[in-house]
Amino acid sequence: MRNTVSISSLCVAMTSLALVACGSDDGGSTTDPGKAFDVTGGASHPPTGSTEIAPGSGQAVAYPAGPYGTEMGSVVENISWLGWKNGKDVGYDQGAFERVSLSDFYDPDGSKGSKLLIINASAVWCGPCNLEARHMRDANTYATFHAKGVDFLWTLFEDANHDPVKPQDLTNWGNRYAVDYPMVLDPSLKTGAYFATDATPLNFLVDTRTMRIVDIIMGGLLDDAAWNFVNRHL
């Protein structure tokens, strides 16, 4: 499942990328929950409690307060990307890109019917990543687990040549694997801080009631037995 040779050059820069990724080209990360800013740059004050300004907008959204971390048990930062919440509905049209943030999945009272979020970080060149996406398509994994309260978020960070992913790569991936769950571009590797080893894909599981990381899996979920592992966290 691991491809340590292919990702090795990427991992050399992993530490520095982790420091800058959240302020990158596709929208950046959250502001400090206690210090929010509106779209014009003027200071504003969000409501009290676990509320912050959504990445890329001036609107306050509910999200657990920091501090944030990357280890199991930590609250994951409210990262934001560009992509689709359901690319299949819009024909994987790059003109229909929208902002997708982790706050979209936060469900503290269960009103969204969500219990668990699986965040995947993949590259187009990665064989196990493709196998995992193919298995999800062929085994109808999303529909099966979504009915149990599991949400999915697929991120692509590199293309077939190990260069930063481009919008066309996301379109091609969506068409190839009939992706009907949220899928986003991550050319600056915002997920880099969550890699536990120099392996890809990365799957990390987040409890959507608290946005705490409950498991980090290096390598693909490539068969039914692997996906059944997810049931233990529900």
C-alpha atoms as a PDB file:
ATOM      1  CA  MET A   1       0.000   0.000   0.000  1.00  0.00           C
ATOM      2  CA  ARG A   2       2.940   2.291   0.567  1.00  0.00           C
ATOM      3  CA  ASN A   3       4.894   4.157  -2.061  1.00  0.00           C
ATOM      4  CA  THR A   4       7.786   5.578  -0.114  1.00  0.00           C
ATOM      5  CA  VAL A   5      10.005   6.127  -3.157  1.00  0.00           C
ATOM      6  CA  SER A   6       7.466   8.168  -5.108  1.00  0.00           C
ATOM      7  CA  ILE A   7       6.577  10.436  -2.242  1.00  0.00           C
ATOM      8  CA  SER A   8      10.050  10.846  -0.785  1.00  0.00           C
ATOM      9  CA  SER A   9      10.818  14.093  -2.577  1.00  0.00           C
ATOM     10  CA  LEU A  10       7.511  15.460  -1.375  1.00  0.00           C
ATOM     11  CA  CYS A  11       8.204  14.545   2.221  1.00  0.00           C
ATOM     12  CA  VAL A  12      11.535  16.383   2.322  1.00  0.00           C
ATOM     13  CA  ALA A  13       9.577  19.603   2.167  1.00  0.00           C
ATOM     14  CA  MET A  14       6.687  18.352   4.298  1.00  0.00           C
ATOM     15  CA  THR A  15       7.665  20.327   7.393  1.00  0.00           C
ATOM     16  CA  SER A  16       7.957  23.640   5.608  1.00  0.00           C
ATOM     17  CA  LEU A  17       4.794  22.982   3.622  1.00  0.00           C
ATOM     18  CA  ALA A  18       2.890  22.288   6.791  1.00  0.00           C
ATOM     19  CA  LEU A  19       3.861  25.721   8.056  1.00  0.00           C
ATOM     20  CA  VAL A  20       2.750  27.623   4.976  1.00  0.00           C
ATOM     21  CA  ALA A  21       0.038  25.456   3.466  1.00  0.00           C
ATOM     22  CA  CYS A  22      -2.866  27.000   5.290  1.00  0.00           C
ATOM     23  CA  GLY A  23      -2.130  30.445   3.944  1.00  0.00           C
ATOM     24  CA  SER A  24      -1.800  29.375   0.335  1.00  0.00           C
ATOM     25  CA  ASP A  25      -3.279  30.010  -3.068  1.00  0.00           C
ATOM     26  CA  ASP A  26      -6.661  28.364  -2.608  1.00  0.00           C
ATOM     27  CA  GLY A  27      -8.113  30.215   0.294  1.00  0.00           C
ATOM     28  CA  GLY A  28      -6.029  29.654   3.387  1.00  0.00           C
ATOM     29  CA  SER A  29      -7.093  28.425   6.766  1.00  0.00           C
ATOM     30  CA  THR A  30      -9.154  29.849   9.526  1.00  0.00           C
ATOM     31  CA  THR A  31      -8.385  32.951  11.441  1.00  0.00           C
ATOM     32  CA  ASP A  32      -7.839  32.758  15.179  1.00  0.00           C
ATOM     33  CA  PRO A  33     -11.286  31.869  16.563  1.00  0.00           C
ATOM     34  CA  GLY A  34     -11.059  34.757  18.983  1.00  0.00           C
ATOM     35  CA  LYS A  35      -9.965  37.323  16.389  1.00  0.00           C
ATOM     36  CA  ALA A  36     -11.981  37.424  13.189  1.00  0.00           C
ATOM     37  CA  PHE A  37     -11.825  39.750  10.175  1.00  0.00           C
ATOM     38  CA  ASP A  38     -14.387  40.742   7.588  1.00  0.00           C
ATOM     39  CA  VAL A  39     -13.792  40.642   3.847  1.00  0.00           C
ATOM     40  CA  THR A  40     -12.598  44.248   3.746  1.00  0.00           C
ATOM     41  CA  GLY A  41      -9.926  43.588   6.353  1.00  0.00           C
ATOM     42  CA  GLY A  42     -11.615  45.509   9.147  1.00  0.00           C
ATOM     43  CA  ALA A  43     -11.767  43.938  12.578  1.00  0.00           C
ATOM     44  CA  SER A  44     -15.031  42.328  13.585  1.00  0.00           C
ATOM     45  CA  HIS A  45     -16.202  40.204  16.478  1.00  0.00           C
ATOM     46  CA  PRO A  46     -17.934  36.865  15.922  1.00  0.00           C
ATOM     47  CA  PRO A  47     -20.536  35.640  18.373  1.00  0.00           C
ATOM     48  CA  THR A  48     -19.224  34.107  21.559  1.00  0.00           C
ATOM     49  CA  GLY A  49     -18.694  30.366  21.798  1.00  0.00           C
ATOM     50  CA  SER A  50     -17.231  27.998  19.218  1.00  0.00           C
ATOM     51  CA  THR A  51     -17.723  30.349  16.287  1.00  0.00           C
ATOM     52  CA  GLU A  52     -15.210  31.703  13.803  1.00  0.00           C
ATOM     53  CA  ILE A  53     -15.021  33.367  10.412  1.00  0.00           C
ATOM     54  CA  ALA A  54     -15.313  30.863   7.575  1.00  0.00           C
ATOM     55  CA  PRO A  55     -12.175  30.651   5.394  1.00  0.00           C
ATOM     56  CA  GLY A  56     -12.475  32.849   2.323  1.00  0.00           C
ATOM     57  CA  SER A  57     -15.543  34.730   3.553  1.00  0.00           C
ATOM     58  CA  GLY A  58     -16.723  37.222   6.115  1.00  0.00           C
ATOM     59  CA  GLN A  59     -19.415  34.977   7.539  1.00  0.00           C
ATOM     60  CA  ALA A  60     -19.271  33.505  11.012  1.00  0.00           C
ATOM     61  CA  VAL A  61     -19.621  29.734  11.217  1.00  0.00           C
ATOM     62  CA  ALA A  62     -19.850  27.316  14.110  1.00  0.00           C
ATOM     63  CA  TYR A  63     -16.655  25.350  14.731  1.00  0.00           C
ATOM     64  CA  PRO A  64     -14.844  24.112  17.831  1.00  0.00           C
ATOM     65  CA  ALA A  65     -12.363  26.553  19.310  1.00  0.00           C
ATOM     66  CA  GLY A  66      -8.639  25.817  19.233  1.00  0.00           C
ATOM     67  CA  PRO A  67      -5.964  24.989  20.014  1.00  0.00           C
ATOM     68  CA  TYR A  68      -5.769  22.770  16.955  1.00  0.00           C
ATOM     69  CA  GLY A  69      -3.441  19.853  16.344  1.00  0.00           C
ATOM     70  CA  THR A  70      -2.468  17.062  13.983  1.00  0.00           C
ATOM     71  CA  GLU A  71      -2.267  14.078  16.336  1.00  0.00           C
ATOM     72  CA  MET A  72      -5.023  11.643  17.268  1.00  0.00           C
ATOM     73  CA  GLY A  73      -7.292  13.250  19.831  1.00  0.00           C
ATOM     74  CA  SER A  74      -6.602  16.772  18.540  1.00  0.00           C
ATOM     75  CA  VAL A  75      -9.226  19.086  17.071  1.00  0.00           C
ATOM     76  CA  VAL A  76      -8.499  19.466  13.367  1.00  0.00           C
ATOM     77  CA  GLU A  77      -8.155  23.014  12.039  1.00  0.00           C
ATOM     78  CA  ASN A  78     -10.959  24.363   9.866  1.00  0.00           C
ATOM     79  CA  ILE A  79      -9.094  23.956   6.584  1.00  0.00           C
ATOM     80  CA  SER A  80     -10.647  25.227   3.352  1.00  0.00           C
ATOM     81  CA  TRP A  81     -10.149  24.210  -0.287  1.00  0.00           C
ATOM     82  CA  LEU A  82     -11.669  24.758  -3.732  1.00  0.00           C
ATOM     83  CA  GLY A  83     -13.541  21.933  -5.402  1.00  0.00           C
ATOM     84  CA  TRP A  84     -17.043  20.498  -5.378  1.00  0.00           C
ATOM     85  CA  LYS A  85     -19.408  19.279  -2.706  1.00  0.00           C
ATOM     86  CA  ASN A  86     -20.848  16.995  -5.384  1.00  0.00           C
ATOM     87  CA  GLY A  87     -18.962  17.262  -8.645  1.00  0.00           C
ATOM     88  CA  LYS A  88     -21.161  14.680 -10.335  1.00  0.00           C
ATOM     89  CA  ASP A  89     -24.145  17.007 -10.062  1.00  0.00           C
ATOM     90  CA  VAL A  90     -22.308  19.720 -12.036  1.00  0.00           C
ATOM     91  CA  GLY A  91     -20.530  17.441 -14.493  1.00  0.00           C
ATOM     92  CA  TYR A  92     -17.161  18.080 -12.794  1.00  0.00           C
ATOM     93  CA  ASP A  93     -17.244  21.569 -14.297  1.00  0.00           C
ATOM     94  CA  GLN A  94     -14.278  23.663 -13.181  1.00  0.00           C
ATOM     95  CA  GLY A  95     -16.425  26.762 -13.568  1.00  0.00           C
ATOM     96  CA  ALA A  96     -18.607  25.417 -10.763  1.00  0.00           C
ATOM     97  CA  PHE A  97     -15.830  25.231  -8.173  1.00  0.00           C
ATOM     98  CA  GLU A  98     -16.970  26.186  -4.690  1.00  0.00           C
ATOM     99  CA  ARG A  99     -15.305  26.540  -1.340  1.00  0.00           C
ATOM    100  CA  VAL A 100     -15.359  23.398   0.781  1.00  0.00           C
ATOM    101  CA  SER A 101     -14.383  23.753   4.453  1.00  0.00           C
ATOM    102  CA  LEU A 102     -14.210  21.333   7.342  1.00  0.00           C
ATOM    103  CA  SER A 103     -16.827  23.454   9.097  1.00  0.00           C
ATOM    104  CA  ASP A 104     -19.272  22.192   6.438  1.00  0.00           C
ATOM    105  CA  PHE A 105     -19.086  18.773   8.119  1.00  0.00           C
ATOM    106  CA  TYR A 106     -19.253  19.886  11.774  1.00  0.00           C
ATOM    107  CA  ASP A 107     -22.366  18.340  13.338  1.00  0.00           C
ATOM    108  CA  PRO A 108     -22.293  18.790  17.124  1.00  0.00           C
ATOM    109  CA  ASP A 109     -25.990  18.048  17.669  1.00  0.00           C
ATOM    110  CA  GLY A 110     -26.386  15.363  15.003  1.00  0.00           C
ATOM    111  CA  SER A 111     -28.822  17.449  12.980  1.00  0.00           C
ATOM    112  CA  LYS A 112     -26.913  16.699   9.762  1.00  0.00           C
ATOM    113  CA  GLY A 113     -26.938  12.988  10.470  1.00  0.00           C
ATOM    114  CA  SER A 114     -23.142  12.886  10.479  1.00  0.00           C
ATOM    115  CA  LYS A 115     -20.931  10.953  12.890  1.00  0.00           C
ATOM    116  CA  LEU A 116     -17.618  10.544  11.123  1.00  0.00           C
ATOM    117  CA  LEU A 117     -15.641  12.278   8.373  1.00  0.00           C
ATOM    118  CA  ILE A 118     -12.966  10.465   6.368  1.00  0.00           C
ATOM    119  CA  ILE A 119     -10.465  12.867   4.810  1.00  0.00           C
ATOM    120  CA  ASN A 120      -8.341  11.322   2.080  1.00  0.00           C
ATOM    121  CA  ALA A 121      -5.147  12.821   0.619  1.00  0.00           C
ATOM    122  CA  SER A 122      -4.176  11.291  -2.725  1.00  0.00           C
ATOM    123  CA  ALA A 123      -1.999  11.904  -5.779  1.00  0.00           C
ATOM    124  CA  VAL A 124      -2.803  11.040  -9.381  1.00  0.00           C
ATOM    125  CA  TRP A 125       0.488   9.105  -9.717  1.00  0.00           C
ATOM    126  CA  CYS A 126      -0.257   6.939  -6.671  1.00  0.00           C
ATOM    127  CA  GLY A 127      -1.339   3.378  -7.511  1.00  0.00           C
ATOM    128  CA  PRO A 128      -3.020   2.596  -4.159  1.00  0.00           C
ATOM    129  CA  CYS A 129      -4.874   5.923  -4.336  1.00  0.00           C
ATOM    130  CA  ASN A 130      -6.376   4.912  -7.664  1.00  0.00           C
ATOM    131  CA  LEU A 131      -7.194   1.445  -6.370  1.00  0.00           C
ATOM    132  CA  GLU A 132      -8.967   2.930  -3.370  1.00  0.00           C
ATOM    133  CA  ALA A 133     -11.030   5.300  -5.518  1.00  0.00           C
ATOM    134  CA  ARG A 134     -11.873   2.452  -7.895  1.00  0.00           C
ATOM    135  CA  HIS A 135     -12.976   0.248  -5.011  1.00  0.00           C
ATOM    136  CA  MET A 136     -15.177   3.016  -3.651  1.00  0.00           C
ATOM    137  CA  ARG A 137     -16.799   3.335  -7.073  1.00  0.00           C
ATOM    138  CA  ASP A 138     -17.241  -0.377  -7.740  1.00  0.00           C
ATOM    139  CA  ALA A 139     -18.353  -1.343  -4.219  1.00  0.00           C
ATOM    140  CA  ASN A 140     -20.672   1.681  -3.863  1.00  0.00           C
ATOM    141  CA  THR A 141     -18.812   2.500  -0.655  1.00  0.00           C
ATOM    142  CA  TYR A 142     -19.985   6.085  -0.322  1.00  0.00           C
ATOM    143  CA  ALA A 143     -23.703   5.240  -0.387  1.00  0.00           C
ATOM    144  CA  THR A 144     -23.197   2.361   2.036  1.00  0.00           C
ATOM    145  CA  PHE A 145     -21.278   4.309   4.645  1.00  0.00           C
ATOM    146  CA  HIS A 146     -23.040   7.634   4.163  1.00  0.00           C
ATOM    147  CA  ALA A 147     -26.240   5.886   5.237  1.00  0.00           C
ATOM    148  CA  LYS A 148     -24.440   5.062   8.500  1.00  0.00           C
ATOM    149  CA  GLY A 149     -23.439   8.681   9.128  1.00  0.00           C
ATOM    150  CA  VAL A 150     -20.036   8.724   7.425  1.00  0.00           C
ATOM    151  CA  ASP A 151     -19.018  11.681   5.257  1.00  0.00           C
ATOM    152  CA  PHE A 152     -16.118  11.651   2.783  1.00  0.00           C
ATOM    153  CA  LEU A 153     -13.749  14.357   1.584  1.00  0.00           C
ATOM    154  CA  TRP A 154     -11.252  13.470  -1.150  1.00  0.00           C
ATOM    155  CA  THR A 155      -8.267  15.764  -1.718  1.00  0.00           C
ATOM    156  CA  LEU A 156      -5.783  15.575  -4.601  1.00  0.00           C
ATOM    157  CA  PHE A 157      -2.357  17.172  -4.138  1.00  0.00           C
ATOM    158  CA  GLU A 158      -0.177  16.063  -7.091  1.00  0.00           C
ATOM    159  CA  ASP A 159      -0.667  15.140 -10.742  1.00  0.00           C
ATOM    160  CA  ALA A 160       0.755  12.206 -12.704  1.00  0.00           C
ATOM    161  CA  ASN A 161       4.123  13.980 -13.015  1.00  0.00           C
ATOM    162  CA  HIS A 162       4.460  14.746  -9.289  1.00  0.00           C
ATOM    163  CA  ASP A 163       3.654  18.406  -9.953  1.00  0.00           C
ATOM    164  CA  PRO A 164       1.003  20.320  -7.976  1.00  0.00           C
ATOM    165  CA  VAL A 165      -2.473  19.188  -8.951  1.00  0.00           C
ATOM    166  CA  LYS A 166      -4.416  21.260 -11.492  1.00  0.00           C
ATOM    167  CA  PRO A 167      -8.163  21.721 -11.985  1.00  0.00           C
ATOM    168  CA  GLN A 168      -8.196  19.374 -14.986  1.00  0.00           C
ATOM    169  CA  ASP A 169      -6.781  16.607 -12.804  1.00  0.00           C
ATOM    170  CA  LEU A 170      -9.766  16.939 -10.487  1.00  0.00           C
ATOM    171  CA  THR A 171     -12.162  16.797 -13.439  1.00  0.00           C
ATOM    172  CA  ASN A 172     -10.423  13.714 -14.834  1.00  0.00           C
ATOM    173  CA  TRP A 173     -10.437  11.981 -11.441  1.00  0.00           C
ATOM    174  CA  GLY A 174     -14.105  12.717 -10.894  1.00  0.00           C
ATOM    175  CA  ASN A 175     -15.075  11.352 -14.294  1.00  0.00           C
ATOM    176  CA  ARG A 176     -12.858   8.282 -13.964  1.00  0.00           C
ATOM    177  CA  TYR A 177     -14.259   7.232 -10.601  1.00  0.00           C
ATOM    178  CA  ALA A 178     -17.785   8.706 -10.793  1.00  0.00           C
ATOM    179  CA  VAL A 179     -17.117  10.664  -7.589  1.00  0.00           C
ATOM    180  CA  ASP A 180     -20.367  11.841  -5.971  1.00  0.00           C
ATOM    181  CA  TYR A 181     -18.888  12.996  -2.642  1.00  0.00           C
ATOM    182  CA  PRO A 182     -16.907  16.190  -1.851  1.00  0.00           C
ATOM    183  CA  MET A 183     -13.633  16.416  -3.756  1.00  0.00           C
ATOM    184  CA  VAL A 184     -11.112  19.265  -3.692  1.00  0.00           C
ATOM    185  CA  LEU A 185      -7.762  20.542  -4.965  1.00  0.00           C
ATOM    186  CA  ASP A 186      -4.853  20.653  -2.507  1.00  0.00           C
ATOM    187  CA  PRO A 187      -1.851  21.843  -4.587  1.00  0.00           C
ATOM    188  CA  SER A 188      -0.110  23.323  -1.553  1.00  0.00           C
ATOM    189  CA  LEU A 189      -0.599  20.147   0.499  1.00  0.00           C
ATOM    190  CA  LYS A 190      -2.614  21.532   3.368  1.00  0.00           C
ATOM    191  CA  THR A 191      -3.065  17.946   4.512  1.00  0.00           C
ATOM    192  CA  GLY A 192       0.716  17.517   4.724  1.00  0.00           C
ATOM    193  CA  ALA A 193       0.858  18.098   8.461  1.00  0.00           C
ATOM    194  CA  TYR A 194      -1.334  15.038   9.032  1.00  0.00           C
ATOM    195  CA  PHE A 195       0.911  12.521   7.262  1.00  0.00           C
ATOM    196  CA  ALA A 196       2.347  10.185   9.888  1.00  0.00           C
ATOM    197  CA  THR A 197       4.889   8.584   7.517  1.00  0.00           C
ATOM    198  CA  ASP A 198       6.185   9.048   4.000  1.00  0.00           C
ATOM    199  CA  ALA A 199       3.353   7.027   2.489  1.00  0.00           C
ATOM    200  CA  THR A 200       0.305   7.825   0.433  1.00  0.00           C
ATOM    201  CA  PRO A 201      -2.672   7.811   0.428  1.00  0.00           C
ATOM    202  CA  LEU A 202      -3.460   9.235   3.810  1.00  0.00           C
ATOM    203  CA  ASN A 203      -6.868   8.651   5.384  1.00  0.00           C
ATOM    204  CA  PHE A 204      -7.652  10.351   8.645  1.00  0.00           C
ATOM    205  CA  LEU A 205     -10.905   9.966  10.502  1.00  0.00           C
ATOM    206  CA  VAL A 206     -12.588  12.851  12.317  1.00  0.00           C
ATOM    207  CA  ASP A 207     -15.472  12.693  14.778  1.00  0.00           C
ATOM    208  CA  THR A 208     -17.822  15.290  13.288  1.00  0.00           C
ATOM    209  CA  ARG A 209     -19.473  15.952  16.652  1.00  0.00           C
ATOM    210  CA  THR A 210     -16.215  17.306  18.079  1.00  0.00           C
ATOM    211  CA  MET A 211     -13.933  17.573  14.995  1.00  0.00           C
ATOM    212  CA  ARG A 212     -11.323  15.531  16.857  1.00  0.00           C
ATOM    213  CA  ILE A 213      -9.055  13.143  14.960  1.00  0.00           C
ATOM    214  CA  VAL A 214      -9.896   9.579  15.975  1.00  0.00           C
ATOM    215  CA  ASP A 215      -7.564   7.669  13.648  1.00  0.00           C
ATOM    216  CA  ILE A 216      -4.817   8.205  11.076  1.00  0.00           C
ATOM    217  CA  ILE A 217      -4.375   5.528   8.421  1.00  0.00           C
ATOM    218  CA  MET A 218      -1.386   5.547   6.085  1.00  0.00           C
ATOM    219  CA  GLY A 219      -2.248   3.613   2.938  1.00  0.00           C
ATOM    220  CA  GLY A 220      -5.443   2.912   1.086  1.00  0.00           C
ATOM    221  CA  LEU A 221      -8.651   1.315   2.312  1.00  0.00           C
ATOM    222  CA  LEU A 222      -8.496  -1.227  -0.470  1.00  0.00           C
ATOM    223  CA  ASP A 223     -11.056  -3.909   0.380  1.00  0.00           C
ATOM    224  CA  ASP A 224     -14.229  -4.553   2.330  1.00  0.00           C
ATOM    225  CA  ALA A 225     -12.305  -5.734   5.381  1.00  0.00           C
ATOM    226  CA  ALA A 226     -10.456  -2.418   5.530  1.00  0.00           C
ATOM    227  CA  TRP A 227     -13.656  -0.417   5.233  1.00  0.00           C
ATOM    228  CA  ASN A 228     -15.271  -2.493   7.969  1.00  0.00           C
ATOM    229  CA  PHE A 229     -12.572  -1.102  10.227  1.00  0.00           C
ATOM    230  CA  VAL A 230     -14.405   2.218   9.966  1.00  0.00           C
ATOM    231  CA  ASN A 231     -17.454   0.702  11.625  1.00  0.00           C
ATOM    232  CA  ARG A 232     -15.547   0.501  14.922  1.00  0.00           C
ATOM    233  CA  HIS A 233     -15.522   4.286  15.105  1.00  0.00           C
ATOM    234  CA  LEU A 234     -19.272   4.730  14.637  1.00  0.00           C
END
